[in-house]
């Protein structure tokens, strides 16, 4: 599974594969290494616009070999909390290292 193309993962297709390739993620292994939340944040930054949360859920589910609709409500809440925390962390880091 690790060398699997993004579009071959459950719930992800050619559009997701192209989006992820734009930030250097070309396989399940690379997505797993970066992590879905960080990939989602990098996509938002690269695209300069918010991404659908369904994409975040789809990346998590795909790595678990599930469809994004199978992600439980508790998992979605955890992911949103993790996403908020990662956004806050990036703001702090950016402010600390900005001239």
N, C-alpha and C. Protein backbone atom coordinates (compact mmCIF):
# COMPACT_ATOMS: atom_id res chain seq x y z
N UNK A 1 0.81 -1.20 0.00
CA UNK A 1 0.00 0.00 0.00
C UNK A 1 0.86 1.26 0.00
N UNK A 2 2.01 1.22 0.63
CA UNK A 2 2.79 2.44 0.82
C UNK A 2 3.25 3.10 -0.48
N UNK A 3 3.55 2.33 -1.52
CA UNK A 3 3.96 2.92 -2.78
C UNK A 3 2.78 3.15 -3.71
N UNK A 4 1.60 2.92 -3.19
CA UNK A 4 0.37 3.04 -3.95
C UNK A 4 0.15 4.49 -4.39
N UNK A 5 -0.36 4.63 -5.61
CA UNK A 5 -0.71 5.95 -6.12
C UNK A 5 -1.86 6.51 -5.29
N UNK A 6 -1.89 7.80 -5.15
CA UNK A 6 -2.93 8.48 -4.40
C UNK A 6 -4.31 8.15 -4.97
N UNK A 7 -4.44 8.17 -6.29
CA UNK A 7 -5.74 7.94 -6.91
C UNK A 7 -6.24 6.50 -6.76
N UNK A 8 -5.39 5.60 -6.30
CA UNK A 8 -5.80 4.22 -6.06
C UNK A 8 -6.26 3.98 -4.62
N UNK A 9 -6.12 4.99 -3.77
CA UNK A 9 -6.57 4.88 -2.39
C UNK A 9 -8.08 5.08 -2.35
N UNK A 10 -8.77 4.41 -1.44
CA UNK A 10 -10.23 4.56 -1.35
C UNK A 10 -10.62 6.02 -1.05
N UNK A 11 -11.56 6.53 -1.82
CA UNK A 11 -12.08 7.87 -1.58
C UNK A 11 -11.27 9.00 -2.16
N UNK A 12 -10.11 8.70 -2.73
CA UNK A 12 -9.29 9.73 -3.39
C UNK A 12 -9.19 9.39 -4.87
N UNK A 13 -9.22 10.40 -5.69
CA UNK A 13 -9.17 10.16 -7.13
C UNK A 13 -8.16 11.05 -7.82
N UNK A 14 -8.30 11.22 -9.12
CA UNK A 14 -7.34 12.00 -9.90
C UNK A 14 -7.21 13.46 -9.45
N UNK A 15 -8.31 14.08 -9.04
CA UNK A 15 -8.25 15.47 -8.60
C UNK A 15 -7.43 15.58 -7.31
N UNK A 16 -7.70 14.69 -6.37
CA UNK A 16 -6.92 14.68 -5.12
C UNK A 16 -5.45 14.38 -5.41
N UNK A 17 -5.21 13.45 -6.31
CA UNK A 17 -3.84 13.08 -6.67
C UNK A 17 -3.10 14.29 -7.24
N UNK A 18 -3.76 15.05 -8.11
CA UNK A 18 -3.14 16.23 -8.71
C UNK A 18 -2.88 17.30 -7.65
N UNK A 19 -3.84 17.52 -6.77
CA UNK A 19 -3.66 18.50 -5.69
C UNK A 19 -2.47 18.13 -4.81
N UNK A 20 -2.42 16.87 -4.39
CA UNK A 20 -1.33 16.43 -3.52
C UNK A 20 0.02 16.46 -4.23
N UNK A 21 0.02 16.13 -5.52
CA UNK A 21 1.27 16.19 -6.29
C UNK A 21 1.80 17.63 -6.35
N UNK A 22 0.89 18.60 -6.32
CA UNK A 22 1.31 20.01 -6.38
C UNK A 22 2.12 20.43 -5.15
N UNK A 23 2.01 19.65 -4.07
CA UNK A 23 2.81 19.94 -2.87
C UNK A 23 3.83 18.84 -2.61
N UNK A 24 4.07 18.01 -3.63
CA UNK A 24 5.14 17.01 -3.54
C UNK A 24 4.76 15.67 -2.94
N UNK A 25 3.47 15.41 -2.80
CA UNK A 25 3.02 14.12 -2.27
C UNK A 25 2.53 13.28 -3.43
N UNK A 26 3.22 12.18 -3.70
CA UNK A 26 2.92 11.36 -4.86
C UNK A 26 2.59 9.91 -4.53
N UNK A 27 2.57 9.57 -3.25
CA UNK A 27 2.28 8.18 -2.87
C UNK A 27 1.66 8.15 -1.48
N UNK A 28 1.08 7.01 -1.16
CA UNK A 28 0.51 6.82 0.17
C UNK A 28 1.59 6.97 1.24
N UNK A 29 2.79 6.50 0.96
CA UNK A 29 3.89 6.61 1.92
C UNK A 29 4.22 8.07 2.22
N UNK A 30 4.25 8.89 1.20
CA UNK A 30 4.55 10.31 1.40
C UNK A 30 3.43 11.01 2.16
N UNK A 31 2.17 10.64 1.86
CA UNK A 31 1.04 11.21 2.59
C UNK A 31 1.10 10.79 4.06
N UNK A 32 1.39 9.53 4.31
CA UNK A 32 1.48 9.03 5.68
C UNK A 32 2.62 9.74 6.43
N UNK A 33 3.74 9.93 5.77
CA UNK A 33 4.90 10.56 6.41
C UNK A 33 4.59 12.01 6.81
N UNK A 34 3.99 12.77 5.92
CA UNK A 34 3.66 14.16 6.23
C UNK A 34 2.47 14.25 7.18
N UNK A 35 1.52 13.36 6.98
CA UNK A 35 0.30 13.36 7.80
C UNK A 35 -0.79 14.16 7.11
N UNK A 36 -2.02 13.68 7.22
CA UNK A 36 -3.14 14.34 6.54
C UNK A 36 -3.37 15.79 6.95
N UNK A 37 -3.23 16.10 8.24
CA UNK A 37 -3.45 17.48 8.69
C UNK A 37 -2.41 18.41 8.10
N UNK A 38 -1.15 18.02 8.13
CA UNK A 38 -0.10 18.87 7.54
C UNK A 38 -0.26 18.97 6.03
N UNK A 39 -0.65 17.89 5.38
CA UNK A 39 -0.90 17.94 3.93
C UNK A 39 -2.03 18.91 3.63
N UNK A 40 -3.09 18.84 4.41
CA UNK A 40 -4.23 19.74 4.24
C UNK A 40 -3.80 21.20 4.39
N UNK A 41 -3.02 21.49 5.43
CA UNK A 41 -2.56 22.87 5.65
C UNK A 41 -1.63 23.34 4.53
N UNK A 42 -0.77 22.45 4.05
CA UNK A 42 0.10 22.82 2.93
C UNK A 42 -0.71 23.10 1.67
N UNK A 43 -1.77 22.33 1.45
CA UNK A 43 -2.64 22.58 0.30
C UNK A 43 -3.32 23.93 0.42
N UNK A 44 -3.82 24.25 1.60
CA UNK A 44 -4.45 25.55 1.80
C UNK A 44 -3.47 26.68 1.51
N UNK A 45 -2.26 26.52 1.98
CA UNK A 45 -1.23 27.54 1.75
C UNK A 45 -0.88 27.64 0.26
N UNK A 46 -0.67 26.50 -0.37
CA UNK A 46 -0.28 26.48 -1.78
C UNK A 46 -1.39 26.99 -2.69
N UNK A 47 -2.63 26.65 -2.38
CA UNK A 47 -3.77 27.06 -3.20
C UNK A 47 -4.27 28.45 -2.83
N UNK A 48 -3.78 28.96 -1.70
CA UNK A 48 -4.19 30.27 -1.18
C UNK A 48 -5.70 30.39 -0.99
N UNK A 49 -6.31 29.26 -0.58
CA UNK A 49 -7.74 29.27 -0.28
C UNK A 49 -8.05 28.06 0.59
N UNK A 50 -9.12 28.17 1.36
CA UNK A 50 -9.52 27.03 2.20
C UNK A 50 -9.87 25.82 1.33
N UNK A 51 -9.57 24.65 1.84
CA UNK A 51 -9.91 23.41 1.16
C UNK A 51 -11.12 22.80 1.86
N UNK A 52 -11.82 21.95 1.18
CA UNK A 52 -12.95 21.26 1.77
C UNK A 52 -12.47 20.33 2.88
N UNK A 53 -13.17 20.35 4.01
CA UNK A 53 -12.82 19.43 5.09
C UNK A 53 -13.01 17.98 4.66
N UNK A 54 -13.86 17.76 3.67
CA UNK A 54 -14.03 16.40 3.16
C UNK A 54 -12.71 15.85 2.62
N UNK A 55 -11.86 16.72 2.09
CA UNK A 55 -10.55 16.28 1.62
C UNK A 55 -9.71 15.79 2.79
N UNK A 56 -9.74 16.51 3.89
CA UNK A 56 -9.01 16.07 5.09
C UNK A 56 -9.52 14.71 5.54
N UNK A 57 -10.83 14.58 5.65
CA UNK A 57 -11.41 13.31 6.07
C UNK A 57 -11.06 12.19 5.09
N UNK A 58 -11.06 12.52 3.81
CA UNK A 58 -10.74 11.52 2.79
C UNK A 58 -9.30 11.04 2.90
N UNK A 59 -8.37 11.96 3.19
CA UNK A 59 -6.97 11.55 3.32
C UNK A 59 -6.78 10.63 4.52
N UNK A 60 -7.42 10.97 5.63
CA UNK A 60 -7.32 10.13 6.83
C UNK A 60 -7.90 8.75 6.55
N UNK A 61 -9.10 8.73 6.00
CA UNK A 61 -9.77 7.46 5.72
C UNK A 61 -8.99 6.63 4.70
N UNK A 62 -8.44 7.27 3.68
CA UNK A 62 -7.70 6.54 2.65
C UNK A 62 -6.51 5.81 3.24
N UNK A 63 -5.82 6.44 4.18
CA UNK A 63 -4.68 5.79 4.81
C UNK A 63 -5.09 4.61 5.68
N UNK A 64 -6.36 4.60 6.08
CA UNK A 64 -6.91 3.48 6.84
C UNK A 64 -7.64 2.49 5.93
N UNK A 65 -7.53 2.72 4.61
CA UNK A 65 -8.21 1.88 3.62
C UNK A 65 -9.72 1.89 3.80
N UNK A 66 -10.27 3.07 4.09
CA UNK A 66 -11.70 3.27 4.24
C UNK A 66 -12.14 4.40 3.31
N UNK A 67 -13.42 4.54 3.13
CA UNK A 67 -13.96 5.69 2.41
C UNK A 67 -14.18 6.80 3.42
N UNK A 68 -14.06 8.05 2.98
CA UNK A 68 -14.14 9.18 3.93
C UNK A 68 -15.45 9.22 4.69
N UNK A 69 -16.52 8.70 4.13
CA UNK A 69 -17.80 8.72 4.83
C UNK A 69 -17.82 7.78 6.03
N UNK A 70 -16.82 6.90 6.13
CA UNK A 70 -16.74 5.97 7.25
C UNK A 70 -16.04 6.54 8.47
N UNK A 71 -15.48 7.74 8.35
CA UNK A 71 -14.81 8.35 9.50
C UNK A 71 -15.88 8.71 10.54
N UNK A 72 -15.72 8.21 11.72
CA UNK A 72 -16.70 8.43 12.78
C UNK A 72 -16.74 9.89 13.20
N UNK A 73 -17.87 10.29 13.78
CA UNK A 73 -18.05 11.67 14.25
C UNK A 73 -16.94 12.05 15.23
N UNK A 74 -16.53 11.13 16.10
CA UNK A 74 -15.48 11.43 17.06
C UNK A 74 -14.15 11.69 16.36
N UNK A 75 -13.88 10.96 15.30
CA UNK A 75 -12.64 11.16 14.55
C UNK A 75 -12.65 12.54 13.88
N UNK A 76 -13.79 12.95 13.35
CA UNK A 76 -13.89 14.28 12.74
C UNK A 76 -13.62 15.36 13.77
N UNK A 77 -14.17 15.21 14.96
CA UNK A 77 -13.94 16.20 16.03
C UNK A 77 -12.46 16.26 16.40
N UNK A 78 -11.83 15.10 16.52
CA UNK A 78 -10.41 15.05 16.84
C UNK A 78 -9.59 15.72 15.76
N UNK A 79 -9.94 15.47 14.50
CA UNK A 79 -9.21 16.06 13.39
C UNK A 79 -9.37 17.58 13.36
N UNK A 80 -10.56 18.07 13.63
CA UNK A 80 -10.77 19.52 13.66
C UNK A 80 -9.98 20.15 14.79
N UNK A 81 -9.91 19.50 15.93
CA UNK A 81 -9.10 20.00 17.04
C UNK A 81 -7.62 20.01 16.67
N UNK A 82 -7.16 18.93 16.03
CA UNK A 82 -5.76 18.86 15.59
C UNK A 82 -5.47 19.94 14.55
N UNK A 83 -6.40 20.15 13.63
CA UNK A 83 -6.24 21.17 12.60
C UNK A 83 -6.14 22.56 13.21
N UNK A 84 -7.03 22.87 14.15
CA UNK A 84 -6.98 24.17 14.83
C UNK A 84 -5.66 24.35 15.57
N UNK A 85 -5.21 23.31 16.26
CA UNK A 85 -3.94 23.38 16.97
C UNK A 85 -2.76 23.61 16.03
N UNK A 86 -2.77 22.93 14.90
CA UNK A 86 -1.69 23.09 13.92
C UNK A 86 -1.70 24.49 13.33
N UNK A 87 -2.88 25.03 13.07
CA UNK A 87 -2.97 26.41 12.55
C UNK A 87 -2.43 27.40 13.57
N UNK A 88 -2.80 27.25 14.83
CA UNK A 88 -2.31 28.15 15.89
C UNK A 88 -0.79 28.04 16.03
N UNK A 89 -0.27 26.83 15.98
CA UNK A 89 1.17 26.61 16.09
C UNK A 89 1.90 27.33 14.95
N UNK A 90 1.37 27.19 13.73
CA UNK A 90 1.99 27.86 12.58
C UNK A 90 1.98 29.37 12.73
N UNK A 91 0.90 29.92 13.29
CA UNK A 91 0.84 31.37 13.52
C UNK A 91 1.91 31.80 14.50
N UNK A 92 2.06 31.06 15.58
CA UNK A 92 3.06 31.39 16.60
C UNK A 92 4.46 31.33 16.00
N UNK A 93 4.75 30.26 15.28
CA UNK A 93 6.08 30.11 14.66
C UNK A 93 6.34 31.23 13.67
N UNK A 94 5.33 31.54 12.85
CA UNK A 94 5.49 32.60 11.85
C UNK A 94 5.79 33.94 12.54
N UNK A 95 5.06 34.23 13.61
CA UNK A 95 5.27 35.49 14.34
C UNK A 95 6.62 35.55 15.02
N UNK A 96 7.10 34.42 15.52
CA UNK A 96 8.40 34.40 16.19
C UNK A 96 9.56 34.62 15.23
N UNK A 97 9.39 34.17 13.99
CA UNK A 97 10.50 34.26 13.04
C UNK A 97 10.31 35.32 11.99
N UNK A 98 9.26 36.12 12.09
CA UNK A 98 9.05 37.22 11.16
C UNK A 98 9.87 38.41 11.59
N UNK A 99 10.46 39.10 10.61
CA UNK A 99 11.26 40.28 10.96
C UNK A 99 10.42 41.43 11.48
